[in-house]
Protein backbone atom coordinates (compact mmCIF):
# COMPACT_ATOMS: atom_id res chain seq x y z
CA UNK A 1 -28.68 28.13 6.96
CA UNK A 2 -25.62 25.92 6.09
CA UNK A 3 -22.53 26.47 8.06
CA UNK A 4 -19.42 27.74 6.42
CA UNK A 5 -17.57 24.57 7.37
CA UNK A 6 -19.64 21.76 5.52
CA UNK A 7 -21.52 19.88 8.40
CA UNK A 8 -20.29 16.41 7.81
CA UNK A 9 -19.15 15.99 11.24
CA UNK A 10 -20.89 16.09 14.43
CA UNK A 11 -17.96 18.06 16.31
CA UNK A 12 -17.89 18.09 20.27
CA UNK A 13 -18.07 21.41 21.81
CA UNK A 14 -14.40 21.88 22.65
CA UNK A 15 -11.54 24.17 20.61
CA UNK A 16 -8.30 23.07 21.32
CA UNK A 17 -5.27 25.83 20.92
CA UNK A 18 -2.26 24.03 22.08
CA UNK A 19 -0.95 20.67 22.30
CA UNK A 20 1.95 19.13 24.88
CA UNK A 21 3.10 15.71 24.43
CA UNK A 22 -0.08 13.57 25.56
CA UNK A 23 -2.08 16.74 26.39
CA UNK A 24 -4.48 19.10 24.54
CA UNK A 25 -5.20 22.64 25.87
CA UNK A 26 -8.77 24.12 25.40
CA UNK A 27 -9.28 27.70 24.56
CA UNK A 28 -10.66 28.00 28.27
CA UNK A 29 -7.43 26.51 29.57
CA UNK A 30 -8.66 23.16 30.54
CA UNK A 31 -6.06 20.31 29.89
CA UNK A 32 -7.46 17.15 28.36
CA UNK A 33 -5.59 13.79 28.52
CA UNK A 34 -5.68 12.88 24.60
CA UNK A 35 -6.12 9.10 24.21
CA UNK A 36 -7.28 9.76 20.61
CA UNK A 37 -4.02 11.23 19.24
CA UNK A 38 -5.86 12.60 16.18
CA UNK A 39 -7.30 8.97 15.36
CA UNK A 40 -3.82 7.43 15.85
CA UNK A 41 -2.11 10.24 13.72
CA UNK A 42 -0.18 12.16 16.63
CA UNK A 43 1.96 9.05 17.07
CA UNK A 44 4.63 11.07 19.04
CA UNK A 45 2.23 13.34 20.77
CA UNK A 46 1.52 17.09 20.19
CA UNK A 47 4.63 19.34 19.51
CA UNK A 48 7.36 16.48 19.70
CA UNK A 49 10.73 18.75 19.46
CA UNK A 50 12.17 16.40 16.59
CA UNK A 51 9.26 17.10 14.36
CA UNK A 52 8.86 20.62 15.21
CA UNK A 53 12.73 20.90 14.29
CA UNK A 54 12.20 19.07 11.12
CA UNK A 55 9.25 20.95 9.89
CA UNK A 56 10.62 24.31 11.03
CA UNK A 57 14.02 23.68 9.18
CA UNK A 58 12.34 22.48 6.09
CA UNK A 59 9.86 25.41 6.24
CA UNK A 60 12.56 27.81 6.20
CA UNK A 61 14.22 26.01 3.26
CA UNK A 62 11.70 24.92 0.71
CA UNK A 63 7.97 24.14 0.88
CA UNK A 64 7.00 22.58 -2.66
CA UNK A 65 8.36 21.91 -6.08
CA UNK A 66 6.07 19.02 -7.37
CA UNK A 67 7.17 15.85 -8.35
CA UNK A 68 8.36 17.22 -11.72
CA UNK A 69 11.67 17.17 -9.83
CA UNK A 70 13.73 15.08 -7.45
CA UNK A 71 12.89 15.86 -3.93
CA UNK A 72 15.98 15.02 -1.56
CA UNK A 73 13.98 14.21 1.53
CA UNK A 74 11.24 12.15 -0.20
CA UNK A 75 14.17 9.85 -1.55
CA UNK A 76 15.77 9.99 2.08
CA UNK A 77 12.17 8.91 3.57
CA UNK A 78 11.65 6.33 0.82
CA UNK A 79 15.05 4.66 1.73
CA UNK A 80 14.32 4.67 5.30
CA UNK A 81 10.84 2.83 4.64
CA UNK A 82 12.28 0.37 2.20
CA UNK A 83 15.16 -0.30 4.64
CA UNK A 84 12.76 -1.20 7.47
CA UNK A 85 10.20 -2.95 5.68
CA UNK A 86 9.61 -5.60 2.86
CA UNK A 87 8.91 -2.97 0.34
CA UNK A 88 11.26 -2.11 -2.67
CA UNK A 89 9.30 0.87 -3.62
CA UNK A 90 7.16 3.62 -2.14
CA UNK A 91 4.81 6.20 -3.76
CA UNK A 92 3.98 9.03 -1.51
CA UNK A 93 0.36 10.38 -0.87
CA UNK A 94 -1.34 12.96 1.37
CA UNK A 95 -3.69 10.49 3.11
CA UNK A 96 -5.01 6.89 3.86
CA UNK A 97 -7.81 7.68 1.23
CA UNK A 98 -5.33 8.44 -1.42
CA UNK A 99 -3.22 5.37 -0.29
CA UNK A 100 -6.13 3.11 -0.97
CA UNK A 101 -6.87 4.65 -4.26
CA UNK A 102 -3.32 3.63 -5.69
CA UNK A 103 -3.43 0.34 -4.03
CA UNK A 104 -6.45 -0.74 -5.94
CA UNK A 105 -4.87 0.77 -8.93
CA UNK A 106 -1.69 -0.96 -8.60
CA UNK A 107 -3.31 -4.33 -8.05
CA UNK A 108 -5.54 -4.12 -11.20
CA UNK A 109 -2.75 -2.86 -13.42
CA UNK A 110 -0.58 -5.41 -12.22
CA UNK A 111 -2.96 -8.26 -13.81
CA UNK A 112 -3.83 -6.05 -16.82
CA UNK A 113 0.05 -6.10 -17.70
CA UNK A 114 0.17 -10.04 -17.15
CA UNK A 115 -2.53 -10.30 -19.78
CA UNK A 116 -4.98 -11.01 -17.42
CA UNK A 117 -7.42 -7.96 -17.47
CA UNK A 118 -10.33 -9.98 -16.38
CA UNK A 119 -8.59 -10.30 -12.85
CA UNK A 120 -10.07 -7.17 -11.28
CA UNK A 121 -11.86 -8.47 -8.14
CA UNK A 122 -10.72 -7.48 -4.63
CA UNK A 123 -11.83 -9.54 -1.61
CA UNK A 124 -12.59 -7.41 1.55
CA UNK A 125 -14.39 -7.72 4.83
CA UNK A 126 -16.99 -6.48 6.95
CA UNK A 127 -16.25 -3.92 9.42
CA UNK A 128 -13.41 -2.60 7.27
CA UNK A 129 -12.55 1.14 6.72
CA UNK A 130 -10.44 2.13 3.79
CA UNK A 131 -11.10 5.82 3.47
CA UNK A 132 -14.08 7.87 2.01
CA UNK A 133 -13.23 7.91 -1.61
CA UNK A 134 -14.84 6.10 -4.23
CA UNK A 135 -12.81 3.14 -4.05
CA UNK A 136 -12.54 3.16 -0.45
CA UNK A 137 -16.32 3.25 0.36
CA UNK A 138 -16.69 0.76 -2.44
CA UNK A 139 -14.20 -1.64 -0.62
CA UNK A 140 -15.79 -1.34 2.72
CA UNK A 141 -19.35 -1.84 1.18
CA UNK A 142 -21.50 -1.05 4.30
CA UNK A 143 -24.50 0.82 3.87
CA UNK A 144 -23.41 3.51 6.17
CA UNK A 145 -20.57 4.11 3.95
CA UNK A 146 -22.22 4.02 0.43
CA UNK A 147 -25.76 4.83 0.94
CA UNK A 148 -26.58 7.79 -1.53
CA UNK A 149 -23.05 7.57 -3.28
CA UNK A 150 -23.99 5.19 -6.24
CA UNK A 151 -23.14 3.94 -8.77
CA UNK A 152 -20.55 2.35 -6.81
CA UNK A 153 -16.94 1.49 -8.27
CA UNK A 154 -17.38 -2.20 -9.20
CA UNK A 155 -15.05 -5.14 -8.54
CA UNK A 156 -15.38 -5.63 -4.72
CA UNK A 157 -16.24 -8.89 -3.13
CA UNK A 158 -17.41 -8.52 0.44
CA UNK A 159 -17.14 -11.34 2.79
CA UNK A 160 -17.86 -11.62 6.82
CA UNK A 161 -14.98 -10.76 8.80
CA UNK A 162 -13.47 -14.22 10.03
CA UNK A 163 -15.49 -16.61 7.72
CA UNK A 164 -12.91 -18.58 6.42
CA UNK A 165 -14.91 -21.07 4.22
CA UNK A 166 -16.69 -18.03 2.58
CA UNK A 167 -13.08 -16.57 1.55
CA UNK A 168 -11.80 -20.04 -0.01
CA UNK A 169 -14.95 -20.17 -1.85
CA UNK A 170 -14.78 -16.49 -2.97
CA UNK A 171 -11.49 -16.76 -4.90
CA UNK A 172 -11.85 -17.11 -8.66
CA UNK A 173 -10.13 -16.62 -11.80
CA UNK A 174 -11.25 -13.10 -11.59
CA UNK A 175 -9.76 -12.53 -8.42
CA UNK A 176 -6.81 -9.92 -8.25
CA UNK A 177 -6.03 -9.38 -4.51
CA UNK A 178 -7.38 -9.66 -0.96
CA UNK A 179 -7.31 -6.37 1.10
CA UNK A 180 -7.50 -6.36 4.82
CA UNK A 181 -6.64 -4.42 8.01
CA UNK A 182 -4.46 -6.29 10.49
CA UNK A 183 -6.26 -4.68 12.99
CA UNK A 184 -9.67 -3.19 12.34
CA UNK A 185 -9.76 0.32 13.70
CA UNK A 186 -13.08 2.01 12.70
CA UNK A 187 -14.52 -1.65 12.93
CA UNK A 188 -14.25 -1.88 16.75
CA UNK A 189 -10.30 -2.73 17.32
CA UNK A 190 -10.69 -6.14 15.74
CA UNK A 191 -7.10 -7.88 15.31
CA UNK A 192 -6.64 -10.49 12.74
CA UNK A 193 -5.13 -13.42 14.64
CA UNK A 194 -1.64 -14.13 13.69
CA UNK A 195 -2.52 -17.48 12.20
CA UNK A 196 -5.00 -15.95 10.02
CA UNK A 197 -2.63 -13.68 8.68
CA UNK A 198 -0.31 -16.36 8.11
CA UNK A 199 -3.42 -18.24 6.12
CA UNK A 200 -4.04 -15.35 4.17
CA UNK A 201 -0.46 -15.19 2.86
CA UNK A 202 -0.55 -18.73 2.26
CA UNK A 203 -3.92 -18.61 0.31
CA UNK A 204 -2.55 -15.77 -1.70
CA UNK A 205 0.22 -17.45 -2.63
CA UNK A 206 -1.40 -20.77 -3.23
CA UNK A 207 -3.63 -18.91 -5.83
CA UNK A 208 -1.18 -16.33 -7.16
CA UNK A 209 -3.14 -13.33 -6.10
CA UNK A 210 -1.84 -10.27 -4.22
CA UNK A 211 -2.02 -9.49 -0.34
CA UNK A 212 -2.86 -5.90 0.18
CA UNK A 213 -2.81 -4.61 3.72
CA UNK A 214 -4.02 -1.50 5.04
CA UNK A 215 -1.82 -0.18 7.98
CA UNK A 216 -2.95 3.20 7.88
CA UNK A 217 -4.41 3.16 11.49
CA UNK A 218 -2.41 0.23 12.99
CA UNK A 219 1.05 0.75 11.51
CA UNK A 220 4.08 3.04 12.50
CA UNK A 221 4.59 1.60 15.73
CA UNK A 222 0.98 1.38 17.06
CA UNK A 223 0.98 -2.16 18.14
CA UNK A 224 4.50 -2.38 19.20
CA UNK A 225 6.26 -3.40 16.10
CA UNK A 226 6.93 -0.85 13.26
CA UNK A 227 4.02 -2.60 11.20
CA UNK A 228 1.45 -4.59 12.88
CA UNK A 229 1.87 -7.64 10.28
CA UNK A 230 5.43 -8.35 11.67
CA UNK A 231 3.80 -10.15 14.60
CA UNK A 232 2.77 -12.75 12.27
CA UNK A 233 5.87 -13.22 10.54
CA UNK A 234 4.56 -12.51 6.96
CA UNK A 235 4.95 -9.64 4.21
CA UNK A 236 2.30 -8.21 2.00
CA UNK A 237 2.65 -7.28 -1.48
CA UNK A 238 1.13 -3.97 -1.08
CA UNK A 239 0.72 -2.01 2.01
CA UNK A 240 -1.07 1.43 2.70
CA UNK A 241 0.41 3.68 5.25
CA UNK A 242 -0.76 7.24 6.58
CA UNK A 243 -1.72 8.65 9.77
CA UNK A 244 1.24 8.01 12.04
CA UNK A 245 3.83 8.14 9.36
CA UNK A 246 3.48 11.92 9.44
CA UNK A 247 3.09 12.44 13.00
CA UNK A 248 0.41 15.01 12.66
CA UNK A 249 1.43 16.34 9.10
CA UNK A 250 -0.83 15.24 6.35
CA UNK A 251 1.30 12.11 4.74
CA UNK A 252 0.52 8.92 3.37
CA UNK A 253 2.38 6.33 1.42
CA UNK A 254 1.98 2.98 -0.44
CA UNK A 255 4.60 0.41 -0.13
CA UNK A 256 5.10 -2.32 -2.71
CA UNK A 257 7.31 -5.11 -3.70
CA UNK A 258 8.93 -4.62 -7.27
CA UNK A 259 6.81 -7.39 -8.77
CA UNK A 260 3.37 -5.71 -7.44
CA UNK A 261 4.56 -2.43 -8.58
CA UNK A 262 5.61 -3.62 -11.97
CA UNK A 263 2.83 -1.97 -13.73
CA UNK A 264 3.03 1.51 -12.38
CA UNK A 265 5.25 3.23 -14.80
CA UNK A 266 5.57 6.69 -15.49
CA UNK A 267 2.25 8.38 -16.18
CA UNK A 268 -0.01 5.72 -14.67
CA UNK A 269 -0.46 7.66 -11.29
CA UNK A 270 0.51 11.20 -9.84
CA UNK A 271 0.09 13.57 -6.97
CA UNK A 272 0.69 17.24 -6.92
CA UNK A 273 1.45 17.50 -3.03
CA UNK A 274 2.24 13.73 -2.49
CA UNK A 275 5.77 13.42 -0.99
CA UNK A 276 6.24 17.38 -0.76
CA UNK A 277 9.48 18.40 1.20
CA UNK A 278 7.79 19.56 4.41
CA UNK A 279 5.76 16.15 4.80
CA UNK A 280 8.92 14.18 4.04
CA UNK A 281 11.05 15.91 6.13
CA UNK A 282 8.44 15.32 9.17
CA UNK A 283 8.10 11.51 8.08
CA UNK A 284 12.07 11.13 8.05
CA UNK A 285 11.97 12.54 11.73
CA UNK A 286 9.13 10.18 12.74
CA UNK A 287 10.90 7.34 11.35
CA UNK A 288 14.19 7.98 13.08
CA UNK A 289 12.31 7.90 16.42
CA UNK A 290 9.74 5.03 15.87
CA UNK A 291 11.95 2.53 14.09
CA UNK A 292 14.32 2.37 17.16
CA UNK A 293 14.19 -0.91 18.82
CA UNK A 294 14.24 0.55 22.01
CA UNK A 295 11.59 2.99 21.18
CA UNK A 296 9.36 0.00 20.24
CA UNK A 297 10.24 -1.90 23.18
CA UNK A 298 9.01 1.00 25.39
CA UNK A 299 5.70 0.87 23.45
CA UNK A 300 5.32 -2.68 24.19
CA UNK A 301 5.95 -2.35 27.92
CA UNK A 302 3.53 0.41 28.21
CA UNK A 303 0.89 -1.48 26.22
CA UNK A 304 1.12 -4.09 28.85
CA UNK A 305 0.65 -1.86 31.78
CA UNK A 306 -2.07 0.23 29.97
CA UNK A 307 -3.93 -3.30 29.20
CA UNK A 308 -3.51 -4.41 32.99
CA UNK A 309 -4.91 -1.14 34.41
CA UNK A 310 -7.73 -1.35 32.08
CA UNK A 311 -8.78 -4.86 33.05
CA UNK A 312 -8.78 -3.56 36.63
CA UNK A 313 -10.99 -0.68 35.21
CA UNK A 314 -13.35 -2.98 33.46
CA UNK A 315 -13.64 -5.27 36.75
CA UNK A 316 -14.66 -2.24 38.82
CA UNK A 317 -17.38 -1.11 36.38
CA UNK A 318 -19.04 -4.20 34.98
CA UNK A 319 -22.35 -2.40 34.22
CA UNK A 320 -20.38 0.07 32.11
CA UNK A 321 -17.56 -2.12 30.49
CA UNK A 322 -17.04 -5.62 28.90
CA UNK A 323 -13.90 -6.14 27.92
CA UNK A 324 -10.48 -5.07 26.40
CA UNK A 325 -9.05 -5.99 23.04
CA UNK A 326 -6.34 -4.94 20.76
CA UNK A 327 -2.48 -4.84 20.34
CA UNK A 328 -0.10 -2.52 21.75
CA UNK A 329 -1.19 0.99 22.20
CA UNK A 330 -4.30 0.33 19.70
CA UNK A 331 -6.81 -0.81 22.42
CA UNK A 332 -10.74 -1.36 22.30
CA UNK A 333 -13.21 -1.56 25.36
CA UNK A 334 -16.30 -3.15 24.34
CA UNK A 335 -18.95 -1.23 26.21
CA UNK A 336 -22.23 -2.26 28.08
CA UNK A 337 -23.24 1.15 28.31
CA UNK A 338 -23.56 3.39 25.28
CA UNK A 339 -19.94 4.11 23.73
CA UNK A 340 -21.00 7.56 23.00
CA UNK A 341 -22.31 8.10 26.43
CA UNK A 342 -18.80 7.12 27.82
CA UNK A 343 -17.01 9.38 25.25
CA UNK A 344 -19.14 12.26 26.32
CA UNK A 345 -18.55 11.53 30.02
CA UNK A 346 -14.75 11.34 29.08
CA UNK A 347 -14.87 14.95 27.93
CA UNK A 348 -16.55 15.73 31.58
CA UNK A 349 -13.41 14.16 33.28
CA UNK A 350 -10.88 15.85 30.51
CA UNK A 351 -9.75 12.74 28.98
CA UNK A 352 -10.30 12.07 25.10
CA UNK A 353 -11.37 8.74 23.53
CA UNK A 354 -12.85 7.64 20.17
CA UNK A 355 -15.89 5.85 19.46
CA UNK A 356 -16.04 2.89 17.07
CA UNK A 357 -18.32 0.29 15.78
CA UNK A 358 -19.67 -2.48 18.06
CA UNK A 359 -20.08 -0.39 20.83
CA UNK A 360 -16.41 0.19 21.23
CA UNK A 361 -14.25 3.17 22.65
CA UNK A 362 -10.78 3.37 21.11
CA UNK A 363 -7.62 4.11 23.07
CA UNK A 364 -4.84 5.25 20.69
CA UNK A 365 -2.45 7.25 23.05
CA UNK A 366 0.54 8.75 21.80
CA UNK A 367 3.40 6.16 21.63
CA UNK A 368 5.30 8.60 24.15
CA UNK A 369 2.76 8.49 26.90
CA UNK A 370 4.28 8.05 30.06
CA UNK A 371 3.70 5.64 32.97
CA UNK A 372 2.13 8.44 35.21
CA UNK A 373 -0.04 9.61 32.28
CA UNK A 374 -1.35 6.02 31.85
CA UNK A 375 -2.35 6.03 35.50
CA UNK A 376 -3.94 9.24 35.16
CA UNK A 377 -5.60 8.29 32.06
CA UNK A 378 -7.27 5.24 33.82
CA UNK A 379 -8.31 7.53 36.80
CA UNK A 380 -10.12 9.79 34.39
CA UNK A 381 -11.77 6.85 32.74
CA UNK A 382 -12.73 5.74 36.17
CA UNK A 383 -14.52 8.98 36.97
CA UNK A 384 -16.15 8.95 33.54
CA UNK A 385 -17.56 5.33 34.02
CA UNK A 386 -18.54 6.29 37.50
CA UNK A 387 -20.56 9.12 36.21
CA UNK A 388 -22.50 6.98 33.25
CA UNK A 389 -23.32 4.42 36.16
CA UNK A 390 -24.92 7.33 38.01
CA UNK A 391 -27.00 8.70 35.22
C-alpha cells in the first residue's frame, strides 16, 4: 500500500521536533549538530529571534491578500534587495524551482520583444540543478532528473562543466542566455573559478546574450559575500534566489536589470502566494542581519576556521576522505568511502550532513554557527569517519 505521504524521498529515521540555532532536537531528546541547515535554507539557524519576532508580528497582523493589491512588506524587501545588488526589479516566488521558471520565461520574452523570437536556446552545464519543474529538469538535462518525464521542454543546450571550447562553439543566433550556478550544490560543491565567471560575463557581452545566475543555494551570505558572483566582480542580468532568503520560510525571488526584465509586463507572470506578507516580513529580517558587512566578515572568518579543521580531519582519515572544496560556509568533502555511508555514520554520531554528486558530503551550516560548534562538528565527523573505517 502506498504511504499517505508520496514516497519520493528516502527519509532518514529521525523526527525532529525543535530547533535551536545550529542544533536539532529529536523526538527522543537526542541533540544533533545540524551541518545541513535544511539544505542551505536555515541561513540564520533554527528559531533565530529576529526571524521569530518578524513572523510572529506579521502573523498577528495580516497573512495574505494576493498580488491584486500593494503589499508593504514586499515593497520593503524589494527595496532592500535592489539596494544591495545589481538588480533594478524583483519578482517574488515561493521556491527556487519557481524562480527558475520565471528566469527562463524572462529570457525568452526579452528576445521575443526584440523581434528575435528564434532566440530561445539557453546554455546549461552538466552537474547543474535548477529545481524539479518542467523547465528545471529540462535545464539540468541529466537522465536521473528527466527519465520518465518526457517530452521535455525544448530549447536547452547541455554542455560539460568547464569545457570552454564547447561553450564558445555552442553560441549561435538562436542563443538567448547562459544559465549557471556560481557554485554547484547538488553537483558536488563545484565552484566556478572567478576568472571563468568573468569570462562568461565577457562572452555574454560580446554576443549580446543574457547571463542568468542560479544563486538559490550559494546566495544570501553562504559564500561570505551577499551573493557568490560578487567574488568575481561581475553582475548577471537575471538571478534566481531562494533558500536562505526566507531563513526557513518558503520564499524565493528573481532579480533582474531593467533591461532584462523589460518584456515582463502586466499579465505575463503571476503567483498567488509569491511575496505574501508573512514571507516578506521574514525576508526583510534575514536581509537586515545577513547584508551587514560585519556579519559577512564573521562568515568568512568562521569559514576559514572550519576549512582549516576539515583539512586536519581529511589528513587524519585518508582512507575515508580525499579533499575539501567550496567557498565560505558552502563546503564539500570528496570522499573515498561511500558518501552515503559517511552521512549514515554521522547520524550515529549525531551530526547531520547532506550527500551530493561526485561522492561528496555537503557541509552547509547555519551562518551563525559558533567557533565551539565548529570544533564540535569536526569532532563528531571524526567519530563518524572512525566508524566508517572500522566497518
